[in-house]
Every structure is written in structure tokens, then in C-alpha cells.
Amino acid sequence: MAAKFELKLTTKKNWMFNLKAGNGEVILTSEHYAARDGAVNGIESVRANAADVANFDIRTAKNGEQYFVLVAQNKQIIGKSEMYKSPSSVKRGIASVMRNSPAARVVELAKP
């Protein structure tokens, strides 16, 4: 199965997307957008910014687990990963976003 962006309307009427790897695992989750066009622009921003590893920022949560965020040129966060237990897993997650985002198709899910 190929990677995909799942675009959806939340129950609170905001738009968001998840980037899923070919195995169906979520590798990046977006912020919430007021309009569908904002979320679509967010997907294009992921494609544009994920090519440069310098746009990924590795962070540590209060519980000690690590995650990463993808930031745009204006330093706004575009998306956030899940929590990882090891630094090597974080790096594999970043590599997966870099590898999968350029060709991932966009699938709009049914409304909630």
C-alpha cells in the first residue's frame, strides 16, 4: 500500500490531516485548520518542507519520550509525530516522512 494524506473534517468542524506510511501507520499529524483550503495548503507545505532534515525539530515530552515536529520556513509547526521510546525510532520516523510525503496521494475521508 502506498503512503497517503488523509484529509478530514473533525467533529468540531475543523480540518486536519494525517500522513500515513504504506503500512497504514500515522507518521505525521497536522494542526487544526478553520477551512479545508488551509489543510490542503498544509499538505503542500509538508511536501515542500519535508525534503530538508533541518526543518525537523526533535523534542522531549514531560514523560521523557521523544517526538518531532516539522516546521515551515516561517518556523510555524506544520505537523507533529507520535511519541517514540528511542532516538533511533525518532530518526526513522523523520526519514519516513521525508521519503513518503512527496508522492503520497490525498484521500478525503467521509465527514464525521
PDB file of N, CA and C in Angstrom:
ATOM      1  N   MET A   1       0.852  -1.179   0.000  1.00  0.00           N
ATOM      2  CA  MET A   1       0.000   0.000   0.000  1.00  0.00           C
ATOM      3  C   MET A   1       0.900   1.245   0.000  1.00  0.00           C
ATOM      4  N   ALA A   2       0.503   2.234  -0.750  1.00  0.00           N
ATOM      5  CA  ALA A   2       1.268   3.484  -0.849  1.00  0.00           C
ATOM      6  C   ALA A   2       0.901   4.446   0.284  1.00  0.00           C
ATOM      7  N   ALA A   3       1.812   5.357   0.563  1.00  0.00           N
ATOM      8  CA  ALA A   3       1.561   6.379   1.581  1.00  0.00           C
ATOM      9  C   ALA A   3       0.430   7.296   1.124  1.00  0.00           C
ATOM     10  N   LYS A   4      -0.235   7.914   2.110  1.00  0.00           N
ATOM     11  CA  LYS A   4      -1.325   8.829   1.769  1.00  0.00           C
ATOM     12  C   LYS A   4      -1.516   9.874   2.855  1.00  0.00           C
ATOM     13  N   PHE A   5      -2.044  11.006   2.437  1.00  0.00           N
ATOM     14  CA  PHE A   5      -2.522  12.030   3.355  1.00  0.00           C
ATOM     15  C   PHE A   5      -4.014  11.806   3.498  1.00  0.00           C
ATOM     16  N   GLU A   6      -4.491  11.638   4.716  1.00  0.00           N
ATOM     17  CA  GLU A   6      -5.920  11.539   4.964  1.00  0.00           C
ATOM     18  C   GLU A   6      -6.407  12.893   5.461  1.00  0.00           C
ATOM     19  N   LEU A   7      -7.225  13.531   4.659  1.00  0.00           N
ATOM     20  CA  LEU A   7      -7.782  14.851   4.941  1.00  0.00           C
ATOM     21  C   LEU A   7      -9.181  14.647   5.508  1.00  0.00           C
ATOM     22  N   LYS A   8      -9.470  15.296   6.653  1.00  0.00           N
ATOM     23  CA  LYS A   8     -10.791  15.077   7.239  1.00  0.00           C
ATOM     24  C   LYS A   8     -11.275  16.280   8.029  1.00  0.00           C
ATOM     25  N   LEU A   9     -12.589  16.332   8.169  1.00  0.00           N
ATOM     26  CA  LEU A   9     -13.270  17.329   8.978  1.00  0.00           C
ATOM     27  C   LEU A   9     -13.476  16.719  10.358  1.00  0.00           C
ATOM     28  N   THR A  10     -13.059  17.437  11.404  1.00  0.00           N
ATOM     29  CA  THR A  10     -13.202  16.914  12.763  1.00  0.00           C
ATOM     30  C   THR A  10     -14.630  17.134  13.266  1.00  0.00           C
ATOM     31  N   THR A  11     -14.934  16.527  14.403  1.00  0.00           N
ATOM     32  CA  THR A  11     -16.270  16.699  14.983  1.00  0.00           C
ATOM     33  C   THR A  11     -16.512  18.144  15.418  1.00  0.00           C
ATOM     34  N   LYS A  12     -15.430  18.899  15.615  1.00  0.00           N
ATOM     35  CA  LYS A  12     -15.570  20.320  15.978  1.00  0.00           C
ATOM     36  C   LYS A  12     -15.527  21.230  14.752  1.00  0.00           C
ATOM     37  N   LYS A  13     -15.682  20.619  13.567  1.00  0.00           N
ATOM     38  CA  LYS A  13     -15.782  21.353  12.300  1.00  0.00           C
ATOM     39  C   LYS A  13     -14.475  22.049  11.889  1.00  0.00           C
ATOM     40  N   ASN A  14     -13.359  21.501  12.341  1.00  0.00           N
ATOM     41  CA  ASN A  14     -12.048  21.946  11.866  1.00  0.00           C
ATOM     42  C   ASN A  14     -11.525  20.907  10.887  1.00  0.00           C
ATOM     43  N   TRP A  15     -10.586  21.310  10.046  1.00  0.00           N
ATOM     44  CA  TRP A  15      -9.965  20.403   9.089  1.00  0.00           C
ATOM     45  C   TRP A  15      -8.573  20.033   9.574  1.00  0.00           C
ATOM     46  N   MET A  16      -8.170  18.789   9.295  1.00  0.00           N
ATOM     47  CA  MET A  16      -6.824  18.340   9.656  1.00  0.00           C
ATOM     48  C   MET A  16      -6.441  17.190   8.734  1.00  0.00           C
ATOM     49  N   PHE A  17      -5.187  16.787   8.811  1.00  0.00           N
ATOM     50  CA  PHE A  17      -4.755  15.642   8.019  1.00  0.00           C
ATOM     51  C   PHE A  17      -3.745  14.824   8.796  1.00  0.00           C
ATOM     52  N   ASN A  18      -3.672  13.552   8.424  1.00  0.00           N
ATOM     53  CA  ASN A  18      -2.636  12.645   8.896  1.00  0.00           C
ATOM     54  C   ASN A  18      -1.879  12.147   7.673  1.00  0.00           C
ATOM     55  N   LEU A  19      -0.576  12.058   7.780  1.00  0.00           N
ATOM     56  CA  LEU A  19       0.233  11.395   6.768  1.00  0.00           C
ATOM     57  C   LEU A  19       0.434   9.977   7.267  1.00  0.00           C
ATOM     58  N   LYS A  20       0.015   9.004   6.451  1.00  0.00           N
ATOM     59  CA  LYS A  20       0.150   7.598   6.814  1.00  0.00           C
ATOM     60  C   LYS A  20       1.165   6.936   5.890  1.00  0.00           C
ATOM     61  N   ALA A  21       2.038   6.143   6.473  1.00  0.00           N
ATOM     62  CA  ALA A  21       3.012   5.369   5.704  1.00  0.00           C
ATOM     63  C   ALA A  21       2.285   4.245   4.968  1.00  0.00           C
ATOM     64  N   GLY A  22       2.997   3.571   4.117  1.00  0.00           N
ATOM     65  CA  GLY A  22       2.416   2.467   3.346  1.00  0.00           C
ATOM     66  C   GLY A  22       1.841   1.361   4.212  1.00  0.00           C
ATOM     67  N   ASN A  23       2.346   1.203   5.439  1.00  0.00           N
ATOM     68  CA  ASN A  23       1.826   0.164   6.336  1.00  0.00           C
ATOM     69  C   ASN A  23       0.594   0.626   7.119  1.00  0.00           C
ATOM     70  N   GLY A  24       0.128   1.855   6.843  1.00  0.00           N
ATOM     71  CA  GLY A  24      -1.071   2.385   7.491  1.00  0.00           C
ATOM     72  C   GLY A  24      -0.813   3.128   8.793  1.00  0.00           C
ATOM     73  N   GLU A  25       0.444   3.171   9.230  1.00  0.00           N
ATOM     74  CA  GLU A  25       0.771   3.852  10.482  1.00  0.00           C
ATOM     75  C   GLU A  25       0.849   5.364  10.277  1.00  0.00           C
ATOM     76  N   VAL A  26       0.269   6.129  11.213  1.00  0.00           N
ATOM     77  CA  VAL A  26       0.329   7.586  11.160  1.00  0.00           C
ATOM     78  C   VAL A  26       1.753   8.020  11.477  1.00  0.00           C
ATOM     79  N   ILE A  27       2.352   8.809  10.578  1.00  0.00           N
ATOM     80  CA  ILE A  27       3.713   9.283  10.810  1.00  0.00           C
ATOM     81  C   ILE A  27       3.783  10.793  11.020  1.00  0.00           C
ATOM     82  N   LEU A  28       2.692  11.500  10.737  1.00  0.00           N
ATOM     83  CA  LEU A  28       2.644  12.943  10.977  1.00  0.00           C
ATOM     84  C   LEU A  28       1.192  13.374  11.083  1.00  0.00           C
ATOM     85  N   THR A  29       0.880  14.199  12.086  1.00  0.00           N
ATOM     86  CA  THR A  29      -0.470  14.724  12.289  1.00  0.00           C
ATOM     87  C   THR A  29      -0.407  16.241  12.237  1.00  0.00           C
ATOM     88  N   SER A  30      -1.346  16.836  11.529  1.00  0.00           N
ATOM     89  CA  SER A  30      -1.361  18.291  11.364  1.00  0.00           C
ATOM     90  C   SER A  30      -2.029  18.983  12.537  1.00  0.00           C
ATOM     91  N   GLU A  31      -1.893  20.300  12.504  1.00  0.00           N
ATOM     92  CA  GLU A  31      -2.682  21.139  13.392  1.00  0.00           C
ATOM     93  C   GLU A  31      -4.104  21.165  12.845  1.00  0.00           C
ATOM     94  N   HIS A  32      -4.996  21.863  13.514  1.00  0.00           N
ATOM     95  CA  HIS A  32      -6.370  22.009  13.019  1.00  0.00           C
ATOM     96  C   HIS A  32      -6.482  23.331  12.260  1.00  0.00           C
ATOM     97  N   TYR A  33      -7.232  23.292  11.176  1.00  0.00           N
ATOM     98  CA  TYR A  33      -7.430  24.458  10.313  1.00  0.00           C
ATOM     99  C   TYR A  33      -8.911  24.805  10.276  1.00  0.00           C
ATOM    100  N   ALA A  34      -9.212  26.086  10.197  1.00  0.00           N
ATOM    101  CA  ALA A  34     -10.605  26.539  10.145  1.00  0.00           C
ATOM    102  C   ALA A  34     -11.265  26.180   8.819  1.00  0.00           C
ATOM    103  N   ALA A  35     -10.484  26.126   7.749  1.00  0.00           N
ATOM    104  CA  ALA A  35     -11.041  25.866   6.417  1.00  0.00           C
ATOM    105  C   ALA A  35     -10.302  24.717   5.730  1.00  0.00           C
ATOM    106  N   ARG A  36     -11.004  24.031   4.840  1.00  0.00           N
ATOM    107  CA  ARG A  36     -10.420  22.928   4.079  1.00  0.00           C
ATOM    108  C   ARG A  36      -9.192  23.389   3.310  1.00  0.00           C
ATOM    109  N   ASP A  37      -9.267  24.562   2.683  1.00  0.00           N
ATOM    110  CA  ASP A  37      -8.137  25.071   1.902  1.00  0.00           C
ATOM    111  C   ASP A  37      -6.880  25.217   2.755  1.00  0.00           C
ATOM    112  N   GLY A  38      -7.031  25.582   4.012  1.00  0.00           N
ATOM    113  CA  GLY A  38      -5.896  25.688   4.911  1.00  0.00           C
ATOM    114  C   GLY A  38      -5.218  24.342   5.112  1.00  0.00           C
ATOM    115  N   ALA A  39      -6.012  23.292   5.274  1.00  0.00           N
ATOM    116  CA  ALA A  39      -5.454  21.951   5.446  1.00  0.00           C
ATOM    117  C   ALA A  39      -4.765  21.476   4.164  1.00  0.00           C
ATOM    118  N   VAL A  40      -5.366  21.766   3.021  1.00  0.00           N
ATOM    119  CA  VAL A  40      -4.748  21.394   1.737  1.00  0.00           C
ATOM    120  C   VAL A  40      -3.423  22.133   1.571  1.00  0.00           C
ATOM    121  N   ASN A  41      -3.394  23.399   1.931  1.00  0.00           N
ATOM    122  CA  ASN A  41      -2.133  24.155   1.891  1.00  0.00           C
ATOM    123  C   ASN A  41      -1.121  23.564   2.865  1.00  0.00           C
ATOM    124  N   GLY A  42      -1.588  23.070   4.003  1.00  0.00           N
ATOM    125  CA  GLY A  42      -0.708  22.413   4.965  1.00  0.00           C
ATOM    126  C   GLY A  42      -0.058  21.172   4.384  1.00  0.00           C
ATOM    127  N   ILE A  43      -0.824  20.404   3.625  1.00  0.00           N
ATOM    128  CA  ILE A  43      -0.277  19.219   2.954  1.00  0.00           C
ATOM    129  C   ILE A  43       0.825  19.630   1.978  1.00  0.00           C
ATOM    130  N   GLU A  44       0.564  20.672   1.210  1.00  0.00           N
ATOM    131  CA  GLU A  44       1.588  21.144   0.268  1.00  0.00           C
ATOM    132  C   GLU A  44       2.817  21.667   0.998  1.00  0.00           C
ATOM    133  N   SER A  45       2.620  22.240   2.174  1.00  0.00           N
ATOM    134  CA  SER A  45       3.740  22.711   2.979  1.00  0.00           C
ATOM    135  C   SER A  45       4.571  21.535   3.497  1.00  0.00           C
ATOM    136  N   VAL A  46       3.908  20.437   3.863  1.00  0.00           N
ATOM    137  CA  VAL A  46       4.642  19.233   4.258  1.00  0.00           C
ATOM    138  C   VAL A  46       5.512  18.774   3.100  1.00  0.00           C
ATOM    139  N   ARG A  47       4.918  18.672   1.916  1.00  0.00           N
ATOM    140  CA  ARG A  47       5.681  18.217   0.738  1.00  0.00           C
ATOM    141  C   ARG A  47       6.899  19.110   0.484  1.00  0.00           C
ATOM    142  N   ALA A  48       6.714  20.424   0.627  1.00  0.00           N
ATOM    143  CA  ALA A  48       7.785  21.378   0.339  1.00  0.00           C
ATOM    144  C   ALA A  48       8.872  21.375   1.411  1.00  0.00           C
ATOM    145  N   ASN A  49       8.493  21.189   2.665  1.00  0.00           N
ATOM    146  CA  ASN A  49       9.444  21.339   3.763  1.00  0.00           C
ATOM    147  C   ASN A  49      10.048  20.043   4.271  1.00  0.00           C
ATOM    148  N   ALA A  50       9.428  18.909   3.960  1.00  0.00           N
ATOM    149  CA  ALA A  50       9.931  17.627   4.463  1.00  0.00           C
ATOM    150  C   ALA A  50      11.206  17.172   3.753  1.00  0.00           C
ATOM    151  N   ALA A  51      11.564  17.803   2.659  1.00  0.00           N
ATOM    152  CA  ALA A  51      12.766  17.402   1.933  1.00  0.00           C
ATOM    153  C   ALA A  51      14.046  17.777   2.663  1.00  0.00           C
ATOM    154  N   ASP A  52      13.965  18.708   3.603  1.00  0.00           N
ATOM    155  CA  ASP A  52      15.150  19.203   4.303  1.00  0.00           C
ATOM    156  C   ASP A  52      15.102  18.773   5.769  1.00  0.00           C
ATOM    157  N   VAL A  53      16.053  17.946   6.160  1.00  0.00           N
ATOM    158  CA  VAL A  53      16.079  17.437   7.537  1.00  0.00           C
ATOM    159  C   VAL A  53      16.194  18.576   8.558  1.00  0.00           C
ATOM    160  N   ALA A  54      16.713  19.717   8.142  1.00  0.00           N
ATOM    161  CA  ALA A  54      16.837  20.864   9.050  1.00  0.00           C
ATOM    162  C   ALA A  54      15.472  21.412   9.470  1.00  0.00           C
ATOM    163  N   ASN A  55      14.404  21.057   8.757  1.00  0.00           N
ATOM    164  CA  ASN A  55      13.058  21.521   9.094  1.00  0.00           C
ATOM    165  C   ASN A  55      12.370  20.648  10.146  1.00  0.00           C
ATOM    166  N   PHE A  56      13.072  19.621  10.606  1.00  0.00           N
ATOM    167  CA  PHE A  56      12.538  18.750  11.652  1.00  0.00           C
ATOM    168  C   PHE A  56      13.196  19.109  12.975  1.00  0.00           C
ATOM    169  N   ASP A  57      12.392  19.214  14.009  1.00  0.00           N
ATOM    170  CA  ASP A  57      12.893  19.554  15.341  1.00  0.00           C
ATOM    171  C   ASP A  57      12.520  18.414  16.284  1.00  0.00           C
ATOM    172  N   ILE A  58      13.526  17.761  16.860  1.00  0.00           N
ATOM    173  CA  ILE A  58      13.288  16.669  17.804  1.00  0.00           C
ATOM    174  C   ILE A  58      13.101  17.268  19.196  1.00  0.00           C
ATOM    175  N   ARG A  59      12.039  16.831  19.862  1.00  0.00           N
ATOM    176  CA  ARG A  59      11.688  17.359  21.181  1.00  0.00           C
ATOM    177  C   ARG A  59      11.475  16.227  22.176  1.00  0.00           C
ATOM    178  N   THR A  60      11.513  16.564  23.451  1.00  0.00           N
ATOM    179  CA  THR A  60      11.291  15.575  24.505  1.00  0.00           C
ATOM    180  C   THR A  60      10.063  15.985  25.305  1.00  0.00           C
ATOM    181  N   ALA A  61       9.142  15.040  25.457  1.00  0.00           N
ATOM    182  CA  ALA A  61       7.926  15.271  26.240  1.00  0.00           C
ATOM    183  C   ALA A  61       8.236  15.166  27.730  1.00  0.00           C
ATOM    184  N   LYS A  62       7.297  15.578  28.546  1.00  0.00           N
ATOM    185  CA  LYS A  62       7.477  15.537  30.002  1.00  0.00           C
ATOM    186  C   LYS A  62       7.743  14.127  30.519  1.00  0.00           C
ATOM    187  N   ASN A  63       7.201  13.126  29.832  1.00  0.00           N
ATOM    188  CA  ASN A  63       7.392  11.742  30.272  1.00  0.00           C
ATOM    189  C   ASN A  63       8.718  11.150  29.787  1.00  0.00           C
ATOM    190  N   GLY A  64       9.520  11.957  29.094  1.00  0.00           N
ATOM    191  CA  GLY A  64      10.832  11.510  28.638  1.00  0.00           C
ATOM    192  C   GLY A  64      10.841  10.928  27.238  1.00  0.00           C
ATOM    193  N   GLU A  65       9.676  10.656  26.669  1.00  0.00           N
ATOM    194  CA  GLU A  65       9.636  10.143  25.299  1.00  0.00           C
ATOM    195  C   GLU A  65       9.920  11.286  24.324  1.00  0.00           C
ATOM    196  N   GLN A  66      10.411  10.905  23.163  1.00  0.00           N
ATOM    197  CA  GLN A  66      10.730  11.908  22.154  1.00  0.00           C
ATOM    198  C   GLN A  66       9.709  11.893  21.028  1.00  0.00           C
ATOM    199  N   TYR A  67       9.609  13.038  20.365  1.00  0.00           N
ATOM    200  CA  TYR A  67       8.776  13.198  19.181  1.00  0.00           C
ATOM    201  C   TYR A  67       9.436  14.265  18.324  1.00  0.00           C
ATOM    202  N   PHE A  68       8.897  14.460  17.128  1.00  0.00           N
ATOM    203  CA  PHE A  68       9.433  15.522  16.278  1.00  0.00           C
ATOM    204  C   PHE A  68       8.307  16.367  15.719  1.00  0.00           C
ATOM    205  N   VAL A  69       8.655  17.590  15.372  1.00  0.00           N
ATOM    206  CA  VAL A  69       7.732  18.468  14.663  1.00  0.00           C
ATOM    207  C   VAL A  69       8.397  18.859  13.348  1.00  0.00           C
ATOM    208  N   LEU A  70       7.582  19.092  12.349  1.00  0.00           N
ATOM    209  CA  LEU A  70       8.039  19.608  11.065  1.00  0.00           C
ATOM    210  C   LEU A  70       7.643  21.072  11.023  1.00  0.00           C
ATOM    211  N   VAL A  71       8.602  21.942  10.759  1.00  0.00           N
ATOM    212  CA  VAL A  71       8.326  23.372  10.731  1.00  0.00           C
ATOM    213  C   VAL A  71       8.540  23.933   9.326  1.00  0.00           C
ATOM    214  N   ALA A  72       7.752  24.942   9.012  1.00  0.00           N
ATOM    215  CA  ALA A  72       7.864  25.636   7.731  1.00  0.00           C
ATOM    216  C   ALA A  72       8.979  26.675   7.821  1.00  0.00           C
ATOM    217  N   GLN A  73       9.259  27.330   6.729  1.00  0.00           N
ATOM    218  CA  GLN A  73      10.301  28.355   6.691  1.00  0.00           C
ATOM    219  C   GLN A  73      10.016  29.499   7.664  1.00  0.00           C
ATOM    220  N   ASN A  74       8.728  29.765   7.934  1.00  0.00           N
ATOM    221  CA  ASN A  74       8.364  30.826   8.877  1.00  0.00           C
ATOM    222  C   ASN A  74       8.373  30.340  10.327  1.00  0.00           C
ATOM    223  N   LYS A  75       8.869  29.108  10.529  1.00  0.00           N
ATOM    224  CA  LYS A  75       9.013  28.475  11.853  1.00  0.00           C
ATOM    225  C   LYS A  75       7.689  28.043  12.480  1.00  0.00           C
ATOM    226  N   GLN A  76       6.599  28.090  11.717  1.00  0.00           N
ATOM    227  CA  GLN A  76       5.313  27.586  12.196  1.00  0.00           C
ATOM    228  C   GLN A  76       5.325  26.060  12.106  1.00  0.00           C
ATOM    229  N   ILE A  77       4.755  25.408  13.116  1.00  0.00           N
ATOM    230  CA  ILE A  77       4.674  23.949  13.104  1.00  0.00           C
ATOM    231  C   ILE A  77       3.611  23.515  12.104  1.00  0.00           C
ATOM    232  N   ILE A  78       4.010  22.609  11.211  1.00  0.00           N
ATOM    233  CA  ILE A  78       3.093  22.061  10.205  1.00  0.00           C
ATOM    234  C   ILE A  78       2.473  20.764  10.715  1.00  0.00           C
ATOM    235  N   GLY A  79       3.285  19.959  11.376  1.00  0.00           N
ATOM    236  CA  GLY A  79       2.803  18.672  11.859  1.00  0.00           C
ATOM    237  C   GLY A  79       3.668  18.132  12.970  1.00  0.00           C
ATOM    238  N   LYS A  80       3.122  17.123  13.662  1.00  0.00           N
ATOM    239  CA  LYS A  80       3.775  16.532  14.826  1.00  0.00           C
ATOM    240  C   LYS A  80       3.704  15.018  14.707  1.00  0.00           C
ATOM    241  N   SER A  81       4.734  14.351  15.207  1.00  0.00           N
ATOM    242  CA  SER A  81       4.763  12.893  15.170  1.00  0.00           C
ATOM    243  C   SER A  81       4.119  12.300  16.415  1.00  0.00           C
ATOM    244  N   GLU A  82       4.093  10.989  16.436  1.00  0.00           N
ATOM    245  CA  GLU A  82       3.719  10.263  17.641  1.00  0.00           C
ATOM    246  C   GLU A  82       4.901  10.285  18.606  1.00  0.00           C
ATOM    247  N   MET A  83       4.746   9.703  19.765  1.00  0.00           N
ATOM    248  CA  MET A  83       5.832   9.591  20.739  1.00  0.00           C
ATOM    249  C   MET A  83       6.671   8.357  20.421  1.00  0.00           C
ATOM    250  N   TYR A  84       7.978   8.495  20.620  1.00  0.00           N
ATOM    251  CA  TYR A  84       8.911   7.396  20.381  1.00  0.00           C
ATOM    252  C   TYR A  84       9.702   7.114  21.649  1.00  0.00           C
ATOM    253  N   LYS A  85      10.084   5.869  21.828  1.00  0.00           N
ATOM    254  CA  LYS A  85      10.832   5.469  23.021  1.00  0.00           C
ATOM    255  C   LYS A  85      12.341   5.596  22.849  1.00  0.00           C
ATOM    256  N   SER A  86      12.837   5.668  21.607  1.00  0.00           N
ATOM    257  CA  SER A  86      14.284   5.744  21.407  1.00  0.00           C
ATOM    258  C   SER A  86      14.636   6.784  20.341  1.00  0.00           C
ATOM    259  N   PRO A  87      15.819   7.369  20.457  1.00  0.00           N
ATOM    260  CA  PRO A  87      16.272   8.340  19.448  1.00  0.00           C
ATOM    261  C   PRO A  87      16.344   7.743  18.042  1.00  0.00           C
ATOM    262  N   SER A  88      16.708   6.469  17.941  1.00  0.00           N
ATOM    263  CA  SER A  88      16.789   5.853  16.613  1.00  0.00           C
ATOM    264  C   SER A  88      15.397   5.741  15.983  1.00  0.00           C
ATOM    265  N   SER A  89      14.371   5.519  16.795  1.00  0.00           N
ATOM    266  CA  SER A  89      12.996   5.455  16.280  1.00  0.00           C
ATOM    267  C   SER A  89      12.543   6.824  15.775  1.00  0.00           C
ATOM    268  N   VAL A  90      12.924   7.880  16.476  1.00  0.00           N
ATOM    269  CA  VAL A  90      12.588   9.242  16.039  1.00  0.00           C
ATOM    270  C   VAL A  90      13.206   9.497  14.667  1.00  0.00           C
ATOM    271  N   LYS A  91      14.456   9.122  14.497  1.00  0.00           N
ATOM    272  CA  LYS A  91      15.147   9.333  13.219  1.00  0.00           C
ATOM    273  C   LYS A  91      14.504   8.526  12.102  1.00  0.00           C
ATOM    274  N   ARG A  92      14.057   7.320  12.410  1.00  0.00           N
ATOM    275  CA  ARG A  92      13.350   6.519  11.395  1.00  0.00           C
ATOM    276  C   ARG A  92      12.021   7.177  11.032  1.00  0.00           C
ATOM    277  N   GLY A  93      11.342   7.770  12.011  1.00  0.00           N
ATOM    278  CA  GLY A  93      10.086   8.476  11.746  1.00  0.00           C
ATOM    279  C   GLY A  93      10.302   9.667  10.826  1.00  0.00           C
ATOM    280  N   ILE A  94      11.341  10.436  11.083  1.00  0.00           N
ATOM    281  CA  ILE A  94      11.672  11.585  10.230  1.00  0.00           C
ATOM    282  C   ILE A  94      11.984  11.110   8.820  1.00  0.00           C
ATOM    283  N   ALA A  95      12.789  10.062   8.710  1.00  0.00           N
ATOM    284  CA  ALA A  95      13.140   9.528   7.388  1.00  0.00           C
ATOM    285  C   ALA A  95      11.894   9.054   6.639  1.00  0.00           C
ATOM    286  N   SER A  96      10.934   8.501   7.362  1.00  0.00           N
ATOM    287  CA  SER A  96       9.698   8.036   6.738  1.00  0.00           C
ATOM    288  C   SER A  96       8.882   9.206   6.189  1.00  0.00           C
ATOM    289  N   VAL A  97       8.788  10.300   6.938  1.00  0.00           N
ATOM    290  CA  VAL A  97       8.071  11.484   6.438  1.00  0.00           C
ATOM    291  C   VAL A  97       8.781  12.028   5.206  1.00  0.00           C
ATOM    292  N   MET A  98      10.104  12.108   5.257  1.00  0.00           N
ATOM    293  CA  MET A  98      10.867  12.624   4.120  1.00  0.00           C
ATOM    294  C   MET A  98      10.662  11.758   2.877  1.00  0.00           C
ATOM    295  N   ARG A  99      10.640  10.454   3.062  1.00  0.00           N
ATOM    296  CA  ARG A  99      10.514   9.505   1.957  1.00  0.00           C
ATOM    297  C   ARG A  99       9.083   9.444   1.404  1.00  0.00           C
ATOM    298  N   ASN A 100       8.091   9.493   2.290  1.00  0.00           N
ATOM    299  CA  ASN A 100       6.708   9.242   1.884  1.00  0.00           C
ATOM    300  C   ASN A 100       5.919  10.467   1.441  1.00  0.00           C
ATOM    301  N   SER A 101       6.230  11.643   1.958  1.00  0.00           N
ATOM    302  CA  SER A 101       5.369  12.794   1.694  1.00  0.00           C
ATOM    303  C   SER A 101       5.347  13.265   0.233  1.00  0.00           C
ATOM    304  N   PRO A 102       6.442  13.211  -0.513  1.00  0.00           N
ATOM    305  CA  PRO A 102       6.378  13.769  -1.874  1.00  0.00           C
ATOM    306  C   PRO A 102       5.345  13.109  -2.785  1.00  0.00           C
ATOM    307  N   ALA A 103       5.221  11.799  -2.720  1.00  0.00           N
ATOM    308  CA  ALA A 103       4.336  11.093  -3.651  1.00  0.00           C
ATOM    309  C   ALA A 103       3.023  10.641  -3.025  1.00  0.00           C
ATOM    310  N   ALA A 104       2.812  10.939  -1.759  1.00  0.00           N
ATOM    311  CA  ALA A 104       1.590  10.486  -1.083  1.00  0.00           C
ATOM    312  C   ALA A 104       0.362  11.137  -1.707  1.00  0.00           C
ATOM    313  N   ARG A 105      -0.629  10.314  -1.987  1.00  0.00           N
ATOM    314  CA  ARG A 105      -1.873  10.851  -2.544  1.00  0.00           C
ATOM    315  C   ARG A 105      -2.725  11.415  -1.411  1.00  0.00           C
ATOM    316  N   VAL A 106      -3.667  12.278  -1.762  1.00  0.00           N
ATOM    317  CA  VAL A 106      -4.571  12.865  -0.779  1.00  0.00           C
ATOM    318  C   VAL A 106      -5.914  12.142  -0.880  1.00  0.00           C
ATOM    319  N   VAL A 107      -6.380  11.661   0.254  1.00  0.00           N
ATOM    320  CA  VAL A 107      -7.667  10.963   0.336  1.00  0.00           C
ATOM    321  C   VAL A 107      -8.534  11.735   1.318  1.00  0.00           C
ATOM    322  N   GLU A 108      -9.673  12.208   0.846  1.00  0.00           N
ATOM    323  CA  GLU A 108     -10.597  12.920   1.735  1.00  0.00           C
ATOM    324  C   GLU A 108     -11.540  11.911   2.346  1.00  0.00           C
ATOM    325  N   LEU A 109     -11.559  11.856   3.682  1.00  0.00           N
ATOM    326  CA  LEU A 109     -12.411  10.904   4.386  1.00  0.00           C
ATOM    327  C   LEU A 109     -13.821  11.448   4.509  1.00  0.00           C
ATOM    328  N   ALA A 110     -14.749  10.531   4.727  1.00  0.00           N
ATOM    329  CA  ALA A 110     -16.147  10.916   4.907  1.00  0.00           C
ATOM    330  C   ALA A 110     -16.274  11.818   6.130  1.00  0.00           C
ATOM    331  N   LYS A 111     -17.235  12.671   6.106  1.00  0.00           N
ATOM    332  CA  LYS A 111     -17.452  13.606   7.216  1.00  0.00           C
ATOM    333  C   LYS A 111     -17.897  12.835   8.461  1.00  0.00           C
ATOM    334  N   PRO A 112     -17.489  13.357   9.648  1.00  0.00           N
ATOM    335  CA  PRO A 112     -17.810  12.659  10.900  1.00  0.00           C
ATOM    336  C   PRO A 112     -19.301  12.648  11.197  1.00  0.00           C
TER     337      PRO A 112
END
